[in-house]
């Protein structure tokens, strides 16, 4: 049996949804990577899954040795507003047992590169100000901080701020 050493990044399929939810629920439990506080089950996220499309707003997964270890979504920014169609929101999550191994960086790089194909010129990332690993990775890919809303998110009497990072997709 061949064991892969490199992750494979591909478009998500519905059969990947349980793995995507498991990874996202890890982020919820961490209380530093998302504003959601209640975990999801598959049926909660089916409509969410179907909002993605490979041609305009993709949902990617990264797998290693046939195991989903992360995912990344490109979502509409202010859906329905035609003037904003070249702007998208990017989010990504990596299984916590695969953190600090470069998988987040490779997934983010892949999604940024794919933005030309899907017609996105600007990416926005909305993150908690206590999510230092994501801040570090975004800066590595030349995202810049565009906004900050201090102390607007609350987890069990603990408050944190919301950051907005942006990237203008290089035209070359």
N, C-alpha and C. Protein backbone atom coordinates (compact mmCIF):
# COMPACT_ATOMS: atom_id res chain seq x y z
N UNK A 1 0.84 -1.18 0.00
CA UNK A 1 0.00 0.00 0.00
C UNK A 1 0.88 1.24 0.00
N UNK A 2 0.62 2.14 -0.93
CA UNK A 2 1.39 3.37 -1.05
C UNK A 2 0.91 4.39 -0.02
N UNK A 3 1.84 5.01 0.68
CA UNK A 3 1.51 6.06 1.62
C UNK A 3 1.95 7.38 1.01
N UNK A 4 1.02 8.32 0.94
CA UNK A 4 1.31 9.62 0.36
C UNK A 4 2.06 10.48 1.36
N UNK A 5 3.03 11.25 0.87
CA UNK A 5 3.76 12.16 1.73
C UNK A 5 3.29 13.59 1.59
N UNK A 6 2.66 13.89 0.49
CA UNK A 6 2.18 15.24 0.22
C UNK A 6 0.67 15.27 0.31
N UNK A 7 0.13 16.37 0.84
CA UNK A 7 -1.32 16.47 0.88
C UNK A 7 -1.89 16.68 -0.52
N UNK A 8 -3.11 16.25 -0.70
CA UNK A 8 -3.85 16.49 -1.93
C UNK A 8 -4.91 17.54 -1.61
N UNK A 9 -4.98 18.57 -2.42
CA UNK A 9 -6.01 19.59 -2.26
C UNK A 9 -6.97 19.44 -3.42
N UNK A 10 -8.26 19.39 -3.08
CA UNK A 10 -9.29 19.17 -4.11
C UNK A 10 -10.58 19.84 -3.65
N UNK A 11 -11.55 19.88 -4.56
CA UNK A 11 -12.86 20.41 -4.20
C UNK A 11 -13.57 19.42 -3.27
N UNK A 12 -14.28 19.96 -2.30
CA UNK A 12 -15.01 19.12 -1.35
C UNK A 12 -16.23 18.48 -2.03
N UNK A 13 -16.57 17.30 -1.57
CA UNK A 13 -17.80 16.63 -1.98
C UNK A 13 -18.67 16.45 -0.74
N UNK A 14 -19.93 16.14 -0.95
CA UNK A 14 -20.84 15.99 0.17
C UNK A 14 -20.37 14.91 1.15
N UNK A 15 -19.68 13.89 0.65
CA UNK A 15 -19.21 12.83 1.56
C UNK A 15 -18.10 13.33 2.49
N UNK A 16 -17.51 14.50 2.18
CA UNK A 16 -16.48 15.09 3.04
C UNK A 16 -17.09 15.87 4.21
N UNK A 17 -18.38 16.15 4.13
CA UNK A 17 -19.00 17.04 5.12
C UNK A 17 -18.83 16.57 6.57
N UNK A 18 -18.97 15.29 6.90
CA UNK A 18 -18.75 14.89 8.30
C UNK A 18 -17.34 15.24 8.80
N UNK A 19 -16.35 15.13 7.94
CA UNK A 19 -14.96 15.44 8.32
C UNK A 19 -14.77 16.95 8.48
N UNK A 20 -15.39 17.71 7.58
CA UNK A 20 -15.34 19.17 7.66
C UNK A 20 -15.97 19.63 8.98
N UNK A 21 -17.10 19.06 9.32
CA UNK A 21 -17.79 19.44 10.56
C UNK A 21 -16.95 19.07 11.78
N UNK A 22 -16.33 17.91 11.75
CA UNK A 22 -15.47 17.50 12.87
C UNK A 22 -14.34 18.51 13.08
N UNK A 23 -13.72 18.94 11.99
CA UNK A 23 -12.63 19.91 12.09
C UNK A 23 -13.15 21.25 12.61
N UNK A 24 -14.30 21.68 12.10
CA UNK A 24 -14.86 22.96 12.56
C UNK A 24 -15.26 22.88 14.03
N UNK A 25 -15.80 21.75 14.45
CA UNK A 25 -16.16 21.60 15.86
C UNK A 25 -14.94 21.67 16.77
N UNK A 26 -13.79 21.22 16.30
CA UNK A 26 -12.55 21.40 17.07
C UNK A 26 -12.29 22.88 17.28
N UNK A 27 -12.48 23.67 16.22
CA UNK A 27 -12.27 25.12 16.31
C UNK A 27 -13.26 25.76 17.29
N UNK A 28 -14.50 25.28 17.28
CA UNK A 28 -15.48 25.80 18.23
C UNK A 28 -15.03 25.52 19.66
N UNK A 29 -14.59 24.30 19.91
CA UNK A 29 -14.16 23.92 21.27
C UNK A 29 -12.94 24.71 21.72
N UNK A 30 -12.11 25.15 20.78
CA UNK A 30 -10.89 25.90 21.15
C UNK A 30 -11.20 27.27 21.72
N UNK A 31 -12.34 27.84 21.35
CA UNK A 31 -12.75 29.17 21.78
C UNK A 31 -11.74 30.27 21.41
N UNK A 32 -11.00 30.03 20.32
CA UNK A 32 -10.10 31.09 19.83
C UNK A 32 -10.03 31.16 18.31
N UNK A 33 -10.88 30.38 17.63
CA UNK A 33 -10.78 30.33 16.17
C UNK A 33 -12.08 30.64 15.44
N UNK A 34 -13.18 30.74 16.14
CA UNK A 34 -14.47 31.07 15.52
C UNK A 34 -15.41 31.66 16.57
N UNK A 35 -16.39 32.39 16.11
CA UNK A 35 -17.37 32.96 17.02
C UNK A 35 -18.52 32.02 17.33
N UNK A 36 -18.59 30.88 16.66
CA UNK A 36 -19.63 29.91 16.99
C UNK A 36 -19.32 29.30 18.35
N UNK A 37 -20.37 29.01 19.11
CA UNK A 37 -20.16 28.40 20.43
C UNK A 37 -20.84 27.05 20.58
N UNK A 38 -21.73 26.71 19.65
CA UNK A 38 -22.39 25.42 19.70
C UNK A 38 -21.94 24.58 18.51
N UNK A 39 -21.61 23.32 18.78
CA UNK A 39 -21.12 22.43 17.74
C UNK A 39 -22.24 22.07 16.75
N UNK A 40 -21.82 21.66 15.55
CA UNK A 40 -22.74 21.32 14.48
C UNK A 40 -22.78 19.81 14.27
N UNK A 41 -23.88 19.37 13.64
CA UNK A 41 -23.98 18.01 13.12
C UNK A 41 -24.20 18.15 11.61
N UNK A 42 -24.08 17.05 10.89
CA UNK A 42 -24.14 17.09 9.43
C UNK A 42 -25.39 17.79 8.92
N UNK A 43 -26.55 17.44 9.43
CA UNK A 43 -27.78 18.02 8.89
C UNK A 43 -27.84 19.54 9.08
N UNK A 44 -27.13 20.07 10.07
CA UNK A 44 -27.08 21.52 10.29
C UNK A 44 -26.35 22.25 9.16
N UNK A 45 -25.47 21.55 8.46
CA UNK A 45 -24.58 22.22 7.51
C UNK A 45 -24.80 21.84 6.05
N UNK A 46 -25.83 21.08 5.76
CA UNK A 46 -26.08 20.68 4.37
C UNK A 46 -26.40 21.89 3.49
N UNK A 47 -27.28 22.77 3.95
CA UNK A 47 -27.59 23.98 3.16
C UNK A 47 -26.34 24.83 2.98
N UNK A 48 -25.55 24.97 4.03
CA UNK A 48 -24.29 25.72 3.95
C UNK A 48 -23.39 25.12 2.88
N UNK A 49 -23.25 23.79 2.88
CA UNK A 49 -22.39 23.11 1.91
C UNK A 49 -22.83 23.41 0.48
N UNK A 50 -24.13 23.39 0.23
CA UNK A 50 -24.64 23.56 -1.13
C UNK A 50 -24.53 25.00 -1.65
N UNK A 51 -24.11 25.93 -0.82
CA UNK A 51 -23.90 27.31 -1.28
C UNK A 51 -22.57 27.47 -2.02
N UNK A 52 -21.72 26.47 -1.94
CA UNK A 52 -20.41 26.54 -2.60
C UNK A 52 -20.50 25.95 -4.00
N UNK A 53 -19.63 26.44 -4.89
CA UNK A 53 -19.56 25.92 -6.26
C UNK A 53 -18.11 25.98 -6.71
N UNK A 54 -17.72 25.03 -7.51
CA UNK A 54 -16.33 24.97 -7.94
C UNK A 54 -15.95 26.14 -8.85
N UNK A 55 -16.93 26.74 -9.52
CA UNK A 55 -16.61 27.79 -10.49
C UNK A 55 -16.59 29.20 -9.91
N UNK A 56 -17.22 29.43 -8.75
CA UNK A 56 -17.28 30.80 -8.24
C UNK A 56 -16.92 30.91 -6.76
N UNK A 57 -17.44 30.02 -5.94
CA UNK A 57 -17.18 30.04 -4.49
C UNK A 57 -16.85 28.62 -4.04
N UNK A 58 -15.59 28.21 -4.21
CA UNK A 58 -15.22 26.82 -3.91
C UNK A 58 -15.06 26.52 -2.42
N UNK A 59 -15.23 25.26 -2.13
CA UNK A 59 -14.92 24.69 -0.83
C UNK A 59 -13.89 23.61 -1.11
N UNK A 60 -12.69 23.81 -0.57
CA UNK A 60 -11.59 22.88 -0.81
C UNK A 60 -11.37 22.03 0.43
N UNK A 61 -10.86 20.83 0.24
CA UNK A 61 -10.36 20.03 1.35
C UNK A 61 -8.92 19.65 1.05
N UNK A 62 -8.19 19.43 2.10
CA UNK A 62 -6.84 18.88 1.95
C UNK A 62 -6.84 17.53 2.66
N UNK A 63 -6.31 16.55 1.97
CA UNK A 63 -6.26 15.22 2.57
C UNK A 63 -4.84 14.69 2.53
N UNK A 64 -4.53 13.92 3.54
CA UNK A 64 -3.23 13.29 3.67
C UNK A 64 -3.48 11.82 3.98
N UNK A 65 -2.89 10.97 3.17
CA UNK A 65 -3.10 9.53 3.35
C UNK A 65 -4.58 9.17 3.40
N UNK A 66 -5.35 9.82 2.51
CA UNK A 66 -6.79 9.58 2.35
C UNK A 66 -7.63 10.01 3.55
N UNK A 67 -7.08 10.90 4.37
CA UNK A 67 -7.81 11.45 5.52
C UNK A 67 -7.93 12.96 5.34
N UNK A 68 -9.15 13.48 5.49
CA UNK A 68 -9.37 14.93 5.41
C UNK A 68 -8.75 15.56 6.65
N UNK A 69 -7.81 16.48 6.43
CA UNK A 69 -7.13 17.12 7.56
C UNK A 69 -7.37 18.62 7.61
N UNK A 70 -8.09 19.16 6.64
CA UNK A 70 -8.38 20.58 6.66
C UNK A 70 -9.30 20.97 5.52
N UNK A 71 -9.80 22.18 5.61
CA UNK A 71 -10.64 22.70 4.54
C UNK A 71 -10.54 24.22 4.48
N UNK A 72 -10.92 24.75 3.35
CA UNK A 72 -10.88 26.18 3.11
C UNK A 72 -12.10 26.56 2.28
N UNK A 73 -12.73 27.66 2.64
CA UNK A 73 -13.89 28.11 1.88
C UNK A 73 -13.66 29.52 1.35
N UNK A 74 -14.16 29.74 0.14
CA UNK A 74 -14.23 31.07 -0.45
C UNK A 74 -15.72 31.39 -0.53
N UNK A 75 -16.15 32.38 0.23
CA UNK A 75 -17.57 32.71 0.34
C UNK A 75 -17.84 34.11 -0.18
N UNK A 76 -19.09 34.36 -0.59
CA UNK A 76 -19.43 35.71 -1.04
C UNK A 76 -19.28 36.73 0.09
N UNK A 77 -18.82 37.90 -0.27
CA UNK A 77 -18.81 39.03 0.65
C UNK A 77 -20.01 39.89 0.28
N UNK A 78 -20.92 40.07 1.20
CA UNK A 78 -22.15 40.84 0.96
C UNK A 78 -22.91 40.28 -0.24
N UNK A 79 -23.40 39.04 -0.12
CA UNK A 79 -24.06 38.36 -1.25
C UNK A 79 -25.19 39.20 -1.87
N UNK A 80 -25.27 39.09 -3.18
CA UNK A 80 -26.32 39.77 -3.92
C UNK A 80 -25.96 41.17 -4.39
N UNK A 81 -24.86 41.70 -3.92
CA UNK A 81 -24.45 43.04 -4.32
C UNK A 81 -23.43 42.92 -5.44
N UNK A 82 -23.91 43.15 -6.65
CA UNK A 82 -23.11 42.92 -7.87
C UNK A 82 -21.78 43.65 -7.86
N UNK A 83 -21.72 44.85 -7.30
CA UNK A 83 -20.49 45.62 -7.30
C UNK A 83 -19.40 44.97 -6.45
N UNK A 84 -19.79 44.00 -5.63
CA UNK A 84 -18.83 43.37 -4.72
C UNK A 84 -18.51 41.92 -5.11
N UNK A 85 -18.83 41.52 -6.33
CA UNK A 85 -18.63 40.13 -6.74
C UNK A 85 -17.16 39.72 -6.85
N UNK A 86 -16.25 40.66 -6.99
CA UNK A 86 -14.83 40.29 -7.07
C UNK A 86 -14.17 40.24 -5.69
N UNK A 87 -14.96 40.49 -4.64
CA UNK A 87 -14.49 40.42 -3.26
C UNK A 87 -15.07 39.15 -2.64
N UNK A 88 -14.26 38.42 -1.90
CA UNK A 88 -14.75 37.19 -1.25
C UNK A 88 -14.15 37.07 0.14
N UNK A 89 -14.82 36.30 0.97
CA UNK A 89 -14.31 36.00 2.30
C UNK A 89 -13.62 34.64 2.26
N UNK A 90 -12.48 34.55 2.91
CA UNK A 90 -11.76 33.28 2.98
C UNK A 90 -11.71 32.82 4.43
N UNK A 91 -11.93 31.53 4.63
CA UNK A 91 -11.83 30.90 5.94
C UNK A 91 -11.15 29.55 5.75
N UNK A 92 -10.36 29.16 6.72
CA UNK A 92 -9.75 27.83 6.64
C UNK A 92 -9.55 27.27 8.04
N UNK A 93 -9.60 25.95 8.12
CA UNK A 93 -9.46 25.24 9.39
C UNK A 93 -8.68 23.96 9.13
N UNK A 94 -7.79 23.67 10.05
CA UNK A 94 -6.95 22.46 9.98
C UNK A 94 -7.22 21.62 11.22
N UNK A 95 -7.34 20.31 11.04
CA UNK A 95 -7.48 19.39 12.17
C UNK A 95 -6.36 19.69 13.17
N UNK A 96 -6.72 19.81 14.44
CA UNK A 96 -5.75 20.23 15.45
C UNK A 96 -4.57 19.28 15.58
N UNK A 97 -4.72 18.03 15.23
CA UNK A 97 -3.58 17.12 15.31
C UNK A 97 -2.60 17.33 14.15
N UNK A 98 -2.95 18.22 13.21
CA UNK A 98 -2.07 18.51 12.08
C UNK A 98 -1.62 19.98 12.06
N UNK A 99 -1.82 20.68 13.16
CA UNK A 99 -1.36 22.07 13.23
C UNK A 99 0.17 22.14 13.23
N UNK A 100 0.67 23.28 12.80
CA UNK A 100 2.11 23.60 12.81
C UNK A 100 2.93 22.66 11.94
N UNK A 101 2.32 22.18 10.84
CA UNK A 101 3.03 21.29 9.93
C UNK A 101 3.01 21.82 8.50
N UNK A 102 2.51 23.06 8.32
CA UNK A 102 2.50 23.67 7.00
C UNK A 102 1.26 23.42 6.16
N UNK A 103 0.31 22.64 6.68
CA UNK A 103 -0.88 22.33 5.89
C UNK A 103 -1.79 23.54 5.70
N UNK A 104 -1.89 24.38 6.72
CA UNK A 104 -2.68 25.61 6.59
C UNK A 104 -2.09 26.52 5.53
N UNK A 105 -0.78 26.65 5.53
CA UNK A 105 -0.12 27.49 4.53
C UNK A 105 -0.32 26.96 3.12
N UNK A 106 -0.19 25.65 2.95
CA UNK A 106 -0.35 25.10 1.60
C UNK A 106 -1.79 25.25 1.11
N UNK A 107 -2.75 25.10 2.01
CA UNK A 107 -4.15 25.26 1.64
C UNK A 107 -4.47 26.71 1.29
N UNK A 108 -3.96 27.63 2.08
CA UNK A 108 -4.18 29.05 1.82
C UNK A 108 -3.53 29.47 0.50
N UNK A 109 -2.32 29.00 0.26
CA UNK A 109 -1.63 29.31 -1.00
C UNK A 109 -2.44 28.80 -2.19
N UNK A 110 -2.95 27.60 -2.10
CA UNK A 110 -3.74 27.01 -3.18
C UNK A 110 -4.98 27.86 -3.46
N UNK A 111 -5.69 28.24 -2.40
CA UNK A 111 -6.92 29.03 -2.57
C UNK A 111 -6.62 30.40 -3.16
N UNK A 112 -5.56 31.04 -2.70
CA UNK A 112 -5.19 32.36 -3.24
C UNK A 112 -4.87 32.25 -4.72
N UNK A 113 -4.12 31.23 -5.09
CA UNK A 113 -3.76 31.03 -6.50
C UNK A 113 -5.01 30.78 -7.35
N UNK A 114 -5.99 30.08 -6.80
CA UNK A 114 -7.21 29.76 -7.54
C UNK A 114 -8.13 30.97 -7.71
N UNK A 115 -7.88 32.05 -7.00
CA UNK A 115 -8.75 33.23 -7.09
C UNK A 115 -8.80 33.82 -8.50
N UNK A 116 -7.72 33.74 -9.23
CA UNK A 116 -7.73 34.26 -10.61
C UNK A 116 -8.74 33.48 -11.44
N UNK A 117 -8.76 32.17 -11.30
CA UNK A 117 -9.69 31.32 -12.07
C UNK A 117 -11.14 31.65 -11.76
N UNK A 118 -11.44 31.94 -10.50
CA UNK A 118 -12.83 32.17 -10.09
C UNK A 118 -13.21 33.65 -10.11
N UNK A 119 -12.30 34.50 -10.54
CA UNK A 119 -12.63 35.92 -10.71
C UNK A 119 -12.68 36.74 -9.43
N UNK A 120 -11.89 36.36 -8.45
CA UNK A 120 -11.82 37.13 -7.20
C UNK A 120 -10.55 37.97 -7.20
N UNK A 121 -10.71 39.25 -6.91
CA UNK A 121 -9.58 40.19 -6.91
C UNK A 121 -9.15 40.58 -5.50
N UNK A 122 -10.03 40.38 -4.53
CA UNK A 122 -9.75 40.74 -3.15
C UNK A 122 -10.31 39.68 -2.22
N UNK A 123 -9.52 39.33 -1.21
CA UNK A 123 -9.97 38.39 -0.18
C UNK A 123 -10.01 39.10 1.16
N UNK A 124 -11.02 38.80 1.94
CA UNK A 124 -11.14 39.30 3.30
C UNK A 124 -11.17 38.12 4.26
N UNK A 125 -10.49 38.27 5.38
CA UNK A 125 -10.51 37.26 6.43
C UNK A 125 -10.97 37.95 7.71
N UNK A 126 -12.00 37.42 8.32
CA UNK A 126 -12.53 37.95 9.57
C UNK A 126 -12.12 36.98 10.67
N UNK A 127 -11.31 37.46 11.60
CA UNK A 127 -10.76 36.53 12.60
C UNK A 127 -10.80 37.15 13.99
N UNK A 128 -10.76 36.27 14.99
CA UNK A 128 -10.68 36.73 16.37
C UNK A 128 -9.28 37.24 16.65
N UNK A 129 -9.17 38.30 17.44
CA UNK A 129 -7.85 38.87 17.72
C UNK A 129 -6.98 37.97 18.60
N UNK A 130 -7.56 36.91 19.15
CA UNK A 130 -6.79 35.96 19.96
C UNK A 130 -6.32 34.76 19.14
N UNK A 131 -6.59 34.76 17.85
CA UNK A 131 -6.19 33.67 16.96
C UNK A 131 -4.83 33.99 16.35
N UNK A 132 -3.80 33.93 17.17
CA UNK A 132 -2.46 34.34 16.75
C UNK A 132 -1.87 33.49 15.63
N UNK A 133 -2.10 32.17 15.60
CA UNK A 133 -1.56 31.39 14.47
C UNK A 133 -2.11 31.85 13.12
N UNK A 134 -3.40 32.15 13.06
CA UNK A 134 -3.98 32.60 11.79
C UNK A 134 -3.47 33.99 11.42
N UNK A 135 -3.34 34.87 12.39
CA UNK A 135 -2.78 36.20 12.12
C UNK A 135 -1.40 36.04 11.49
N UNK A 136 -0.58 35.17 12.06
CA UNK A 136 0.77 34.93 11.55
C UNK A 136 0.75 34.43 10.10
N UNK A 137 -0.11 33.46 9.81
CA UNK A 137 -0.18 32.90 8.45
C UNK A 137 -0.69 33.93 7.46
N UNK A 138 -1.72 34.69 7.85
CA UNK A 138 -2.23 35.71 6.94
C UNK A 138 -1.15 36.73 6.60
N UNK A 139 -0.40 37.17 7.59
CA UNK A 139 0.69 38.13 7.34
C UNK A 139 1.75 37.52 6.43
N UNK A 140 2.01 36.24 6.59
CA UNK A 140 2.98 35.53 5.74
C UNK A 140 2.58 35.62 4.27
N UNK A 141 1.26 35.66 4.01
CA UNK A 141 0.75 35.73 2.64
C UNK A 141 0.38 37.16 2.23
N UNK A 142 0.91 38.13 2.96
CA UNK A 142 0.77 39.56 2.66
C UNK A 142 -0.62 40.12 2.86
N UNK A 143 -1.45 39.46 3.66
CA UNK A 143 -2.69 40.08 4.08
C UNK A 143 -2.33 41.24 5.00
N UNK A 144 -3.10 42.31 4.93
CA UNK A 144 -2.88 43.44 5.82
C UNK A 144 -4.13 43.67 6.67
N UNK A 145 -3.91 44.19 7.87
CA UNK A 145 -5.04 44.47 8.74
C UNK A 145 -5.77 45.70 8.22
N UNK A 146 -7.06 45.53 7.99
CA UNK A 146 -7.88 46.62 7.47
C UNK A 146 -8.81 47.20 8.52
N UNK A 147 -9.11 46.42 9.53
CA UNK A 147 -10.02 46.90 10.55
C UNK A 147 -9.92 46.11 11.84
N UNK A 148 -10.42 46.73 12.90
CA UNK A 148 -10.40 46.09 14.20
C UNK A 148 -11.58 46.60 15.03
N UNK A 149 -12.33 45.66 15.57
CA UNK A 149 -13.44 45.98 16.46
C UNK A 149 -13.14 45.34 17.82
N UNK A 150 -12.67 46.11 18.77
CA UNK A 150 -12.25 45.53 20.05
C UNK A 150 -13.41 45.10 20.94
N UNK A 151 -13.19 44.01 21.64
CA UNK A 151 -14.09 43.53 22.69
C UNK A 151 -15.56 43.41 22.27
N UNK A 152 -15.82 42.87 21.09
CA UNK A 152 -17.21 42.72 20.65
C UNK A 152 -17.68 41.27 20.65
N UNK A 153 -16.78 40.33 20.92
CA UNK A 153 -17.11 38.91 20.91
C UNK A 153 -16.94 38.38 22.33
N UNK A 154 -17.93 37.61 22.80
CA UNK A 154 -17.90 37.15 24.18
C UNK A 154 -18.05 35.64 24.27
N UNK A 155 -17.11 35.04 24.98
CA UNK A 155 -17.14 33.60 25.30
C UNK A 155 -17.18 33.47 26.81
N UNK A 156 -18.30 33.10 27.38
CA UNK A 156 -18.41 32.85 28.82
C UNK A 156 -17.70 33.93 29.64
N UNK A 157 -18.12 35.15 29.49
CA UNK A 157 -17.58 36.30 30.23
C UNK A 157 -16.16 36.68 29.86
N UNK A 158 -15.63 36.14 28.77
CA UNK A 158 -14.32 36.52 28.27
C UNK A 158 -14.55 37.20 26.93
N UNK A 159 -14.04 38.42 26.77
CA UNK A 159 -14.26 39.15 25.53
C UNK A 159 -12.99 39.20 24.69
N UNK A 160 -13.21 39.28 23.39
CA UNK A 160 -12.09 39.48 22.47
C UNK A 160 -12.57 40.33 21.31
N UNK A 161 -11.65 40.73 20.48
CA UNK A 161 -11.98 41.59 19.36
C UNK A 161 -12.06 40.83 18.05
N UNK A 162 -12.52 41.54 17.03
CA UNK A 162 -12.65 40.98 15.69
C UNK A 162 -11.76 41.78 14.75
N UNK A 163 -10.91 41.08 14.04
CA UNK A 163 -9.99 41.69 13.08
C UNK A 163 -10.48 41.42 11.66
N UNK A 164 -10.20 42.36 10.78
CA UNK A 164 -10.44 42.17 9.35
C UNK A 164 -9.10 42.31 8.65
N UNK A 165 -8.72 41.25 7.95
CA UNK A 165 -7.51 41.26 7.15
C UNK A 165 -7.90 41.17 5.68
N UNK A 166 -7.13 41.82 4.82
CA UNK A 166 -7.44 41.79 3.40
C UNK A 166 -6.22 41.56 2.55
N UNK A 167 -6.47 41.00 1.37
CA UNK A 167 -5.41 40.75 0.39
C UNK A 167 -5.92 41.13 -0.99
N UNK A 168 -5.17 41.97 -1.68
CA UNK A 168 -5.41 42.25 -3.08
C UNK A 168 -4.67 41.16 -3.85
N UNK A 169 -5.41 40.40 -4.65
CA UNK A 169 -4.80 39.29 -5.40
C UNK A 169 -3.87 39.86 -6.46
N UNK A 170 -2.62 39.45 -6.46
CA UNK A 170 -1.68 39.95 -7.48
C UNK A 170 -2.18 39.61 -8.88
N UNK A 171 -2.01 40.53 -9.81
CA UNK A 171 -2.51 40.31 -11.16
C UNK A 171 -1.55 39.50 -12.03
N UNK A 172 -0.34 39.24 -11.55
CA UNK A 172 0.62 38.44 -12.33
C UNK A 172 0.83 37.08 -11.73
